[in-house]
Amino acid sequence: MQNLDSIGTQIRKFREEAEIPLRKLAALLDIDQSTLSKIERDERRTNVQMIEQIARIFKADKDKLLVSFYSDVVMYEIQKEKAFSEILQVAEAKIEYQRTKTKKLK
């Protein structure tokens, strides 16, 4: 089943379940405590490198975390668009087209 929590919420849950203070996780990630707090509250975005670090620290499934991360990226970009569903369908078709085109060139 898909986790519909934002990546920030998931990070906070990992941290709280592991009983790691915010300051300690921030230090492990080499970021400011206030930055991590904003990420957990979805006021600031994270990046792929941090997601990979989170997966290592909490021994979490990196691929699932990346799906959550990228779905957040897409959601934040198109959530206010009326045609968000069509946008996603066209984007998926374009990805398949590009993959097919790339395979033919090899």
PDB file of N, CA and C in Angstrom:
ATOM      1  N   MET A   1       0.837  -1.185   0.000  1.00  0.00           N
ATOM      2  CA  MET A   1       0.000   0.000   0.000  1.00  0.00           C
ATOM      3  C   MET A   1       0.883   1.252   0.000  1.00  0.00           C
ATOM      4  N   GLN A   2       0.448   2.259  -0.720  1.00  0.00           N
ATOM      5  CA  GLN A   2       1.199   3.493  -0.819  1.00  0.00           C
ATOM      6  C   GLN A   2       1.051   4.316   0.456  1.00  0.00           C
ATOM      7  N   ASN A   3       2.135   4.945   0.831  1.00  0.00           N
ATOM      8  CA  ASN A   3       2.099   5.852   1.968  1.00  0.00           C
ATOM      9  C   ASN A   3       1.790   7.247   1.430  1.00  0.00           C
ATOM     10  N   LEU A   4       0.656   7.803   1.816  1.00  0.00           N
ATOM     11  CA  LEU A   4       0.248   9.108   1.308  1.00  0.00           C
ATOM     12  C   LEU A   4       0.739  10.265   2.165  1.00  0.00           C
ATOM     13  N   ASP A   5       1.462   9.966   3.238  1.00  0.00           N
ATOM     14  CA  ASP A   5       2.066  11.030   4.032  1.00  0.00           C
ATOM     15  C   ASP A   5       3.146  11.718   3.202  1.00  0.00           C
ATOM     16  N   SER A   6       3.347  12.990   3.450  1.00  0.00           N
ATOM     17  CA  SER A   6       4.435  13.702   2.782  1.00  0.00           C
ATOM     18  C   SER A   6       5.768  13.121   3.249  1.00  0.00           C
ATOM     19  N   ILE A   7       6.809  13.390   2.489  1.00  0.00           N
ATOM     20  CA  ILE A   7       8.127  12.888   2.874  1.00  0.00           C
ATOM     21  C   ILE A   7       8.561  13.512   4.193  1.00  0.00           C
ATOM     22  N   GLY A   8       8.196  14.756   4.431  1.00  0.00           N
ATOM     23  CA  GLY A   8       8.525  15.404   5.708  1.00  0.00           C
ATOM     24  C   GLY A   8       7.869  14.711   6.882  1.00  0.00           C
ATOM     25  N   THR A   9       6.600  14.364   6.722  1.00  0.00           N
ATOM     26  CA  THR A   9       5.878  13.642   7.771  1.00  0.00           C
ATOM     27  C   THR A   9       6.505  12.272   8.016  1.00  0.00           C
ATOM     28  N   GLN A  10       6.916  11.610   6.954  1.00  0.00           N
ATOM     29  CA  GLN A  10       7.555  10.302   7.106  1.00  0.00           C
ATOM     30  C   GLN A  10       8.872  10.416   7.850  1.00  0.00           C
ATOM     31  N   ILE A  11       9.641  11.440   7.540  1.00  0.00           N
ATOM     32  CA  ILE A  11      10.915  11.649   8.238  1.00  0.00           C
ATOM     33  C   ILE A  11      10.657  11.858   9.730  1.00  0.00           C
ATOM     34  N   ARG A  12       9.673  12.705  10.046  1.00  0.00           N
ATOM     35  CA  ARG A  12       9.344  12.954  11.452  1.00  0.00           C
ATOM     36  C   ARG A  12       8.928  11.655  12.147  1.00  0.00           C
ATOM     37  N   LYS A  13       8.114  10.828  11.477  1.00  0.00           N
ATOM     38  CA  LYS A  13       7.676   9.561  12.073  1.00  0.00           C
ATOM     39  C   LYS A  13       8.869   8.636  12.318  1.00  0.00           C
ATOM     40  N   PHE A  14       9.777   8.536  11.342  1.00  0.00           N
ATOM     41  CA  PHE A  14      10.981   7.712  11.528  1.00  0.00           C
ATOM     42  C   PHE A  14      11.751   8.188  12.755  1.00  0.00           C
ATOM     43  N   ARG A  15      11.949   9.503  12.832  1.00  0.00           N
ATOM     44  CA  ARG A  15      12.732  10.081  13.917  1.00  0.00           C
ATOM     45  C   ARG A  15      12.071   9.831  15.272  1.00  0.00           C
ATOM     46  N   GLU A  16      10.772  10.057  15.341  1.00  0.00           N
ATOM     47  CA  GLU A  16      10.059   9.874  16.606  1.00  0.00           C
ATOM     48  C   GLU A  16      10.015   8.404  17.027  1.00  0.00           C
ATOM     49  N   GLU A  17       9.790   7.507  16.059  1.00  0.00           N
ATOM     50  CA  GLU A  17       9.764   6.074  16.385  1.00  0.00           C
ATOM     51  C   GLU A  17      11.122   5.592  16.878  1.00  0.00           C
ATOM     52  N   ALA A  18      12.188   6.174  16.339  1.00  0.00           N
ATOM     53  CA  ALA A  18      13.546   5.803  16.762  1.00  0.00           C
ATOM     54  C   ALA A  18      13.980   6.581  18.001  1.00  0.00           C
ATOM     55  N   GLU A  19      13.116   7.486  18.454  1.00  0.00           N
ATOM     56  CA  GLU A  19      13.395   8.329  19.623  1.00  0.00           C
ATOM     57  C   GLU A  19      14.709   9.094  19.475  1.00  0.00           C
ATOM     58  N   ILE A  20      14.890   9.657  18.279  1.00  0.00           N
ATOM     59  CA  ILE A  20      16.071  10.473  18.002  1.00  0.00           C
ATOM     60  C   ILE A  20      15.650  11.934  18.084  1.00  0.00           C
ATOM     61  N   PRO A  21      16.319  12.730  18.898  1.00  0.00           N
ATOM     62  CA  PRO A  21      15.985  14.155  18.969  1.00  0.00           C
ATOM     63  C   PRO A  21      16.230  14.852  17.629  1.00  0.00           C
ATOM     64  N   LEU A  22      15.483  15.881  17.394  1.00  0.00           N
ATOM     65  CA  LEU A  22      15.611  16.664  16.165  1.00  0.00           C
ATOM     66  C   LEU A  22      17.048  17.127  15.957  1.00  0.00           C
ATOM     67  N   ARG A  23      17.678  17.615  17.002  1.00  0.00           N
ATOM     68  CA  ARG A  23      19.049  18.131  16.888  1.00  0.00           C
ATOM     69  C   ARG A  23      20.036  17.046  16.476  1.00  0.00           C
ATOM     70  N   LYS A  24      19.817  15.810  16.964  1.00  0.00           N
ATOM     71  CA  LYS A  24      20.737  14.722  16.635  1.00  0.00           C
ATOM     72  C   LYS A  24      20.592  14.310  15.174  1.00  0.00           C
ATOM     73  N   LEU A  25      19.338  14.190  14.708  1.00  0.00           N
ATOM     74  CA  LEU A  25      19.148  13.828  13.300  1.00  0.00           C
ATOM     75  C   LEU A  25      19.671  14.939  12.399  1.00  0.00           C
ATOM     76  N   ALA A  26      19.428  16.183  12.775  1.00  0.00           N
ATOM     77  CA  ALA A  26      19.947  17.310  11.986  1.00  0.00           C
ATOM     78  C   ALA A  26      21.472  17.224  11.888  1.00  0.00           C
ATOM     79  N   ALA A  27      22.124  16.890  12.986  1.00  0.00           N
ATOM     80  CA  ALA A  27      23.584  16.758  12.980  1.00  0.00           C
ATOM     81  C   ALA A  27      24.024  15.618  12.062  1.00  0.00           C
ATOM     82  N   LEU A  28      23.311  14.495  12.118  1.00  0.00           N
ATOM     83  CA  LEU A  28      23.642  13.358  11.240  1.00  0.00           C
ATOM     84  C   LEU A  28      23.493  13.718   9.761  1.00  0.00           C
ATOM     85  N   LEU A  29      22.517  14.578   9.481  1.00  0.00           N
ATOM     86  CA  LEU A  29      22.266  14.999   8.095  1.00  0.00           C
ATOM     87  C   LEU A  29      23.109  16.206   7.694  1.00  0.00           C
ATOM     88  N   ASP A  30      23.847  16.752   8.668  1.00  0.00           N
ATOM     89  CA  ASP A  30      24.691  17.922   8.456  1.00  0.00           C
ATOM     90  C   ASP A  30      23.878  19.120   7.967  1.00  0.00           C
ATOM     91  N   ILE A  31      22.723  19.329   8.637  1.00  0.00           N
ATOM     92  CA  ILE A  31      21.890  20.482   8.341  1.00  0.00           C
ATOM     93  C   ILE A  31      21.509  21.154   9.659  1.00  0.00           C
ATOM     94  N   ASP A  32      21.007  22.347   9.555  1.00  0.00           N
ATOM     95  CA  ASP A  32      20.576  23.106  10.715  1.00  0.00           C
ATOM     96  C   ASP A  32      19.302  22.479  11.296  1.00  0.00           C
ATOM     97  N   GLN A  33      19.173  22.524  12.593  1.00  0.00           N
ATOM     98  CA  GLN A  33      17.999  21.978  13.274  1.00  0.00           C
ATOM     99  C   GLN A  33      16.709  22.646  12.767  1.00  0.00           C
ATOM    100  N   SER A  34      16.747  23.939  12.547  1.00  0.00           N
ATOM    101  CA  SER A  34      15.551  24.645  12.067  1.00  0.00           C
ATOM    102  C   SER A  34      15.186  24.207  10.652  1.00  0.00           C
ATOM    103  N   THR A  35      16.183  23.874   9.845  1.00  0.00           N
ATOM    104  CA  THR A  35      15.921  23.385   8.491  1.00  0.00           C
ATOM    105  C   THR A  35      15.201  22.051   8.545  1.00  0.00           C
ATOM    106  N   LEU A  36      15.676  21.147   9.385  1.00  0.00           N
ATOM    107  CA  LEU A  36      15.021  19.845   9.526  1.00  0.00           C
ATOM    108  C   LEU A  36      13.600  20.020  10.041  1.00  0.00           C
ATOM    109  N   SER A  37      13.412  20.903  10.986  1.00  0.00           N
ATOM    110  CA  SER A  37      12.077  21.160  11.510  1.00  0.00           C
ATOM    111  C   SER A  37      11.136  21.623  10.399  1.00  0.00           C
ATOM    112  N   LYS A  38      11.619  22.508   9.540  1.00  0.00           N
ATOM    113  CA  LYS A  38      10.804  22.987   8.421  1.00  0.00           C
ATOM    114  C   LYS A  38      10.508  21.871   7.426  1.00  0.00           C
ATOM    115  N   ILE A  39      11.470  20.995   7.189  1.00  0.00           N
ATOM    116  CA  ILE A  39      11.246  19.849   6.287  1.00  0.00           C
ATOM    117  C   ILE A  39      10.157  18.964   6.867  1.00  0.00           C
ATOM    118  N   GLU A  40      10.240  18.678   8.152  1.00  0.00           N
ATOM    119  CA  GLU A  40       9.237  17.819   8.789  1.00  0.00           C
ATOM    120  C   GLU A  40       7.845  18.441   8.773  1.00  0.00           C
ATOM    121  N   ARG A  41       7.767  19.765   8.740  1.00  0.00           N
ATOM    122  CA  ARG A  41       6.473  20.452   8.707  1.00  0.00           C
ATOM    123  C   ARG A  41       6.047  20.808   7.285  1.00  0.00           C
ATOM    124  N   ASP A  42       6.783  20.319   6.295  1.00  0.00           N
ATOM    125  CA  ASP A  42       6.496  20.574   4.875  1.00  0.00           C
ATOM    126  C   ASP A  42       6.573  22.048   4.511  1.00  0.00           C
ATOM    127  N   GLU A  43       7.397  22.780   5.225  1.00  0.00           N
ATOM    128  CA  GLU A  43       7.605  24.189   4.917  1.00  0.00           C
ATOM    129  C   GLU A  43       8.856  24.382   4.060  1.00  0.00           C
ATOM    130  N   ARG A  44       9.617  23.326   3.938  1.00  0.00           N
ATOM    131  CA  ARG A  44      10.831  23.349   3.122  1.00  0.00           C
ATOM    132  C   ARG A  44      10.995  21.976   2.494  1.00  0.00           C
ATOM    133  N   ARG A  45      11.532  21.956   1.294  1.00  0.00           N
ATOM    134  CA  ARG A  45      11.716  20.680   0.589  1.00  0.00           C
ATOM    135  C   ARG A  45      13.081  20.095   0.871  1.00  0.00           C
ATOM    136  N   THR A  46      13.145  18.804   0.748  1.00  0.00           N
ATOM    137  CA  THR A  46      14.400  18.088   0.916  1.00  0.00           C
ATOM    138  C   THR A  46      14.987  17.811  -0.466  1.00  0.00           C
ATOM    139  N   ASN A  47      15.975  16.935  -0.553  1.00  0.00           N
ATOM    140  CA  ASN A  47      16.575  16.579  -1.842  1.00  0.00           C
ATOM    141  C   ASN A  47      16.894  15.084  -1.850  1.00  0.00           C
ATOM    142  N   VAL A  48      17.267  14.597  -3.010  1.00  0.00           N
ATOM    143  CA  VAL A  48      17.522  13.162  -3.182  1.00  0.00           C
ATOM    144  C   VAL A  48      18.638  12.679  -2.264  1.00  0.00           C
ATOM    145  N   GLN A  49      19.682  13.463  -2.124  1.00  0.00           N
ATOM    146  CA  GLN A  49      20.807  13.048  -1.282  1.00  0.00           C
ATOM    147  C   GLN A  49      20.352  12.856   0.170  1.00  0.00           C
ATOM    148  N   MET A  50      19.502  13.754   0.645  1.00  0.00           N
ATOM    149  CA  MET A  50      19.015  13.629   2.011  1.00  0.00           C
ATOM    150  C   MET A  50      18.106  12.405   2.153  1.00  0.00           C
ATOM    151  N   ILE A  51      17.312  12.134   1.148  1.00  0.00           N
ATOM    152  CA  ILE A  51      16.438  10.952   1.182  1.00  0.00           C
ATOM    153  C   ILE A  51      17.295   9.693   1.279  1.00  0.00           C
ATOM    154  N   GLU A  52      18.385   9.654   0.536  1.00  0.00           N
ATOM    155  CA  GLU A  52      19.291   8.496   0.594  1.00  0.00           C
ATOM    156  C   GLU A  52      19.913   8.362   1.981  1.00  0.00           C
ATOM    157  N   GLN A  53      20.278   9.483   2.601  1.00  0.00           N
ATOM    158  CA  GLN A  53      20.823   9.454   3.963  1.00  0.00           C
ATOM    159  C   GLN A  53      19.768   8.961   4.959  1.00  0.00           C
ATOM    160  N   ILE A  54      18.555   9.451   4.831  1.00  0.00           N
ATOM    161  CA  ILE A  54      17.451   9.035   5.714  1.00  0.00           C
ATOM    162  C   ILE A  54      17.242   7.526   5.598  1.00  0.00           C
ATOM    163  N   ALA A  55      17.256   7.018   4.376  1.00  0.00           N
ATOM    164  CA  ALA A  55      17.075   5.569   4.160  1.00  0.00           C
ATOM    165  C   ALA A  55      18.173   4.785   4.881  1.00  0.00           C
ATOM    166  N   ARG A  56      19.413   5.257   4.801  1.00  0.00           N
ATOM    167  CA  ARG A  56      20.523   4.569   5.476  1.00  0.00           C
ATOM    168  C   ARG A  56      20.385   4.661   6.992  1.00  0.00           C
ATOM    169  N   ILE A  57      20.116   5.842   7.486  1.00  0.00           N
ATOM    170  CA  ILE A  57      20.034   6.049   8.939  1.00  0.00           C
ATOM    171  C   ILE A  57      18.947   5.182   9.562  1.00  0.00           C
ATOM    172  N   PHE A  58      17.792   5.128   8.914  1.00  0.00           N
ATOM    173  CA  PHE A  58      16.655   4.409   9.494  1.00  0.00           C
ATOM    174  C   PHE A  58      16.441   3.018   8.886  1.00  0.00           C
ATOM    175  N   LYS A  59      17.387   2.610   8.010  1.00  0.00           N
ATOM    176  CA  LYS A  59      17.287   1.305   7.354  1.00  0.00           C
ATOM    177  C   LYS A  59      15.906   1.137   6.703  1.00  0.00           C
ATOM    178  N   ALA A  60      15.514   2.199   5.999  1.00  0.00           N
ATOM    179  CA  ALA A  60      14.223   2.229   5.309  1.00  0.00           C
ATOM    180  C   ALA A  60      14.427   1.905   3.832  1.00  0.00           C
ATOM    181  N   ASP A  61      13.364   1.552   3.169  1.00  0.00           N
ATOM    182  CA  ASP A  61      13.391   1.227   1.739  1.00  0.00           C
ATOM    183  C   ASP A  61      13.620   2.515   0.945  1.00  0.00           C
ATOM    184  N   LYS A  62      14.811   2.650   0.374  1.00  0.00           N
ATOM    185  CA  LYS A  62      15.170   3.862  -0.360  1.00  0.00           C
ATOM    186  C   LYS A  62      14.237   4.100  -1.536  1.00  0.00           C
ATOM    187  N   ASP A  63      13.887   3.050  -2.266  1.00  0.00           N
ATOM    188  CA  ASP A  63      13.029   3.211  -3.435  1.00  0.00           C
ATOM    189  C   ASP A  63      11.650   3.740  -3.053  1.00  0.00           C
ATOM    190  N   LYS A  64      11.093   3.254  -1.959  1.00  0.00           N
ATOM    191  CA  LYS A  64       9.789   3.752  -1.507  1.00  0.00           C
ATOM    192  C   LYS A  64       9.877   5.201  -1.068  1.00  0.00           C
ATOM    193  N   LEU A  65      10.963   5.551  -0.402  1.00  0.00           N
ATOM    194  CA  LEU A  65      11.145   6.942   0.007  1.00  0.00           C
ATOM    195  C   LEU A  65      11.310   7.853  -1.203  1.00  0.00           C
ATOM    196  N   LEU A  66      12.009   7.381  -2.224  1.00  0.00           N
ATOM    197  CA  LEU A  66      12.169   8.182  -3.434  1.00  0.00           C
ATOM    198  C   LEU A  66      10.837   8.363  -4.165  1.00  0.00           C
ATOM    199  N   VAL A  67      10.011   7.324  -4.176  1.00  0.00           N
ATOM    200  CA  VAL A  67       8.675   7.461  -4.772  1.00  0.00           C
ATOM    201  C   VAL A  67       7.897   8.534  -4.027  1.00  0.00           C
ATOM    202  N   SER A  68       7.959   8.495  -2.721  1.00  0.00           N
ATOM    203  CA  SER A  68       7.263   9.495  -1.909  1.00  0.00           C
ATOM    204  C   SER A  68       7.828  10.891  -2.163  1.00  0.00           C
ATOM    205  N   PHE A  69       9.141  11.008  -2.217  1.00  0.00           N
ATOM    206  CA  PHE A  69       9.791  12.289  -2.463  1.00  0.00           C
ATOM    207  C   PHE A  69       9.370  12.865  -3.809  1.00  0.00           C
ATOM    208  N   TYR A  70       9.509  12.071  -4.875  1.00  0.00           N
ATOM    209  CA  TYR A  70       9.184  12.574  -6.207  1.00  0.00           C
ATOM    210  C   TYR A  70       7.690  12.831  -6.385  1.00  0.00           C
ATOM    211  N   SER A  71       6.863  12.035  -5.728  1.00  0.00           N
ATOM    212  CA  SER A  71       5.421  12.299  -5.824  1.00  0.00           C
ATOM    213  C   SER A  71       5.086  13.620  -5.128  1.00  0.00           C
ATOM    214  N   ASP A  72       5.798  13.945  -4.046  1.00  0.00           N
ATOM    215  CA  ASP A  72       5.628  15.258  -3.412  1.00  0.00           C
ATOM    216  C   ASP A  72       6.036  16.373  -4.369  1.00  0.00           C
ATOM    217  N   VAL A  73       7.168  16.193  -5.047  1.00  0.00           N
ATOM    218  CA  VAL A  73       7.652  17.200  -5.992  1.00  0.00           C
ATOM    219  C   VAL A  73       6.588  17.479  -7.052  1.00  0.00           C
ATOM    220  N   VAL A  74       6.063  16.408  -7.635  1.00  0.00           N
ATOM    221  CA  VAL A  74       5.041  16.548  -8.680  1.00  0.00           C
ATOM    222  C   VAL A  74       3.783  17.187  -8.102  1.00  0.00           C
ATOM    223  N   MET A  75       3.351  16.697  -6.957  1.00  0.00           N
ATOM    224  CA  MET A  75       2.131  17.202  -6.336  1.00  0.00           C
ATOM    225  C   MET A  75       2.224  18.702  -6.068  1.00  0.00           C
ATOM    226  N   TYR A  76       3.331  19.149  -5.494  1.00  0.00           N
ATOM    227  CA  TYR A  76       3.483  20.578  -5.186  1.00  0.00           C
ATOM    228  C   TYR A  76       3.470  21.431  -6.458  1.00  0.00           C
ATOM    229  N   GLU A  77       3.978  20.886  -7.549  1.00  0.00           N
ATOM    230  CA  GLU A  77       4.038  21.647  -8.796  1.00  0.00           C
ATOM    231  C   GLU A  77       2.674  21.773  -9.482  1.00  0.00           C
ATOM    232  N   ILE A  78       1.840  20.732  -9.406  1.00  0.00           N
ATOM    233  CA  ILE A  78       0.616  20.749 -10.212  1.00  0.00           C
ATOM    234  C   ILE A  78      -0.681  20.721  -9.411  1.00  0.00           C
ATOM    235  N   GLN A  79      -0.617  20.723  -8.095  1.00  0.00           N
ATOM    236  CA  GLN A  79      -1.820  20.556  -7.284  1.00  0.00           C
ATOM    237  C   GLN A  79      -2.889  21.615  -7.536  1.00  0.00           C
ATOM    238  N   LYS A  80      -2.518  22.798  -7.932  1.00  0.00           N
ATOM    239  CA  LYS A  80      -3.500  23.868  -8.129  1.00  0.00           C
ATOM    240  C   LYS A  80      -4.066  23.904  -9.548  1.00  0.00           C
ATOM    241  N   GLU A  81      -3.524  23.088 -10.417  1.00  0.00           N
ATOM    242  CA  GLU A  81      -3.996  23.059 -11.798  1.00  0.00           C
ATOM    243  C   GLU A  81      -5.290  22.255 -11.904  1.00  0.00           C
ATOM    244  N   LYS A  82      -6.254  22.777 -12.646  1.00  0.00           N
ATOM    245  CA  LYS A  82      -7.521  22.074 -12.826  1.00  0.00           C
ATOM    246  C   LYS A  82      -7.327  20.750 -13.562  1.00  0.00           C
ATOM    247  N   ALA A  83      -6.411  20.734 -14.507  1.00  0.00           N
ATOM    248  CA  ALA A  83      -6.197  19.555 -15.348  1.00  0.00           C
ATOM    249  C   ALA A  83      -5.066  18.670 -14.821  1.00  0.00           C
ATOM    250  N   PHE A  84      -4.901  18.602 -13.492  1.00  0.00           N
ATOM    251  CA  PHE A  84      -3.768  17.846 -12.939  1.00  0.00           C
ATOM    252  C   PHE A  84      -3.771  16.384 -13.391  1.00  0.00           C
ATOM    253  N   SER A  85      -4.928  15.785 -13.487  1.00  0.00           N
ATOM    254  CA  SER A  85      -5.012  14.377 -13.902  1.00  0.00           C
ATOM    255  C   SER A  85      -4.530  14.204 -15.344  1.00  0.00           C
ATOM    256  N   GLU A  86      -4.957  15.087 -16.219  1.00  0.00           N
ATOM    257  CA  GLU A  86      -4.514  15.037 -17.612  1.00  0.00           C
ATOM    258  C   GLU A  86      -3.017  15.311 -17.716  1.00  0.00           C
ATOM    259  N   ILE A  87      -2.531  16.248 -16.909  1.00  0.00           N
ATOM    260  CA  ILE A  87      -1.095  16.554 -16.896  1.00  0.00           C
ATOM    261  C   ILE A  87      -0.296  15.303 -16.544  1.00  0.00           C
ATOM    262  N   LEU A  88      -0.738  14.573 -15.537  1.00  0.00           N
ATOM    263  CA  LEU A  88      -0.044  13.346 -15.135  1.00  0.00           C
ATOM    264  C   LEU A  88      -0.090  12.296 -16.228  1.00  0.00           C
ATOM    265  N   GLN A  89      -1.232  12.158 -16.900  1.00  0.00           N
ATOM    266  CA  GLN A  89      -1.355  11.177 -17.973  1.00  0.00           C
ATOM    267  C   GLN A  89      -0.436  11.511 -19.136  1.00  0.00           C
ATOM    268  N   VAL A  90      -0.383  12.775 -19.520  1.00  0.00           N
ATOM    269  CA  VAL A  90       0.481  13.189 -20.623  1.00  0.00           C
ATOM    270  C   VAL A  90       1.950  13.023 -20.230  1.00  0.00           C
ATOM    271  N   ALA A  91       2.286  13.369 -19.000  1.00  0.00           N
ATOM    272  CA  ALA A  91       3.669  13.202 -18.541  1.00  0.00           C
ATOM    273  C   ALA A  91       4.073  11.732 -18.588  1.00  0.00           C
ATOM    274  N   GLU A  92       3.187  10.850 -18.152  1.00  0.00           N
ATOM    275  CA  GLU A  92       3.481   9.418 -18.200  1.00  0.00           C
ATOM    276  C   GLU A  92       3.682   8.959 -19.644  1.00  0.00           C
ATOM    277  N   ALA A  93       2.841   9.414 -20.547  1.00  0.00           N
ATOM    278  CA  ALA A  93       2.980   9.043 -21.962  1.00  0.00           C
ATOM    279  C   ALA A  93       4.301   9.567 -22.523  1.00  0.00           C
ATOM    280  N   LYS A  94       4.679  10.777 -22.149  1.00  0.00           N
ATOM    281  CA  LYS A  94       5.944  11.340 -22.622  1.00  0.00           C
ATOM    282  C   LYS A  94       7.139  10.547 -22.103  1.00  0.00           C
ATOM    283  N   ILE A  95       7.069  10.120 -20.863  1.00  0.00           N
ATOM    284  CA  ILE A  95       8.149   9.313 -20.297  1.00  0.00           C
ATOM    285  C   ILE A  95       8.287   8.008 -21.073  1.00  0.00           C
ATOM    286  N   GLU A  96       7.166   7.347 -21.332  1.00  0.00           N
ATOM    287  CA  GLU A  96       7.204   6.093 -22.103  1.00  0.00           C
ATOM    288  C   GLU A  96       7.748   6.336 -23.508  1.00  0.00           C
ATOM    289  N   TYR A  97       7.328   7.416 -24.127  1.00  0.00           N
ATOM    290  CA  TYR A  97       7.811   7.772 -25.461  1.00  0.00           C
ATOM    291  C   TYR A  97       9.322   7.973 -25.447  1.00  0.00           C
ATOM    292  N   GLN A  98       9.823   8.732 -24.472  1.00  0.00           N
ATOM    293  CA  GLN A  98      11.253   8.996 -24.376  1.00  0.00           C
ATOM    294  C   GLN A  98      12.053   7.717 -24.136  1.00  0.00           C
ATOM    295  N   ARG A  99      11.512   6.847 -23.298  1.00  0.00           N
ATOM    296  CA  ARG A  99      12.195   5.569 -23.033  1.00  0.00           C
ATOM    297  C   ARG A  99      12.264   4.706 -24.288  1.00  0.00           C
ATOM    298  N   THR A 100      11.168   4.665 -25.029  1.00  0.00           N
ATOM    299  CA  THR A 100      11.126   3.884 -26.274  1.00  0.00           C
ATOM    300  C   THR A 100      12.099   4.473 -27.283  1.00  0.00           C
ATOM    301  N   LYS A 101      12.097   5.774 -27.410  1.00  0.00           N
ATOM    302  CA  LYS A 101      12.987   6.461 -28.335  1.00  0.00           C
ATOM    303  C   LYS A 101      14.456   6.201 -27.985  1.00  0.00           C
ATOM    304  N   THR A 102      14.772   6.234 -26.705  1.00  0.00           N
ATOM    305  CA  THR A 102      16.132   6.001 -26.237  1.00  0.00           C
ATOM    306  C   THR A 102      16.558   4.566 -26.525  1.00  0.00           C
ATOM    307  N   LYS A 103      15.652   3.604 -26.321  1.00  0.00           N
ATOM    308  CA  LYS A 103      15.975   2.198 -26.579  1.00  0.00           C
ATOM    309  C   LYS A 103      16.282   1.968 -28.046  1.00  0.00           C
ATOM    310  N   LYS A 104      15.552   2.635 -28.947  1.00  0.00           N
ATOM    311  CA  LYS A 104      15.759   2.476 -30.391  1.00  0.00           C
ATOM    312  C   LYS A 104      17.106   3.020 -30.819  1.00  0.00           C
ATOM    313  N   LEU A 105      17.601   4.033 -30.121  1.00  0.00           N
ATOM    314  CA  LEU A 105      18.885   4.642 -30.469  1.00  0.00           C
ATOM    315  C   LEU A 105      20.068   3.788 -30.032  1.00  0.00           C
ATOM    316  N   LYS A 106      19.840   2.879 -29.118  1.00  0.00           N
ATOM    317  CA  LYS A 106      20.946   2.047 -28.607  1.00  0.00           C
ATOM    318  C   LYS A 106      21.234   0.883 -29.502  1.00  0.00           C
TER     319      LYS A 106
END
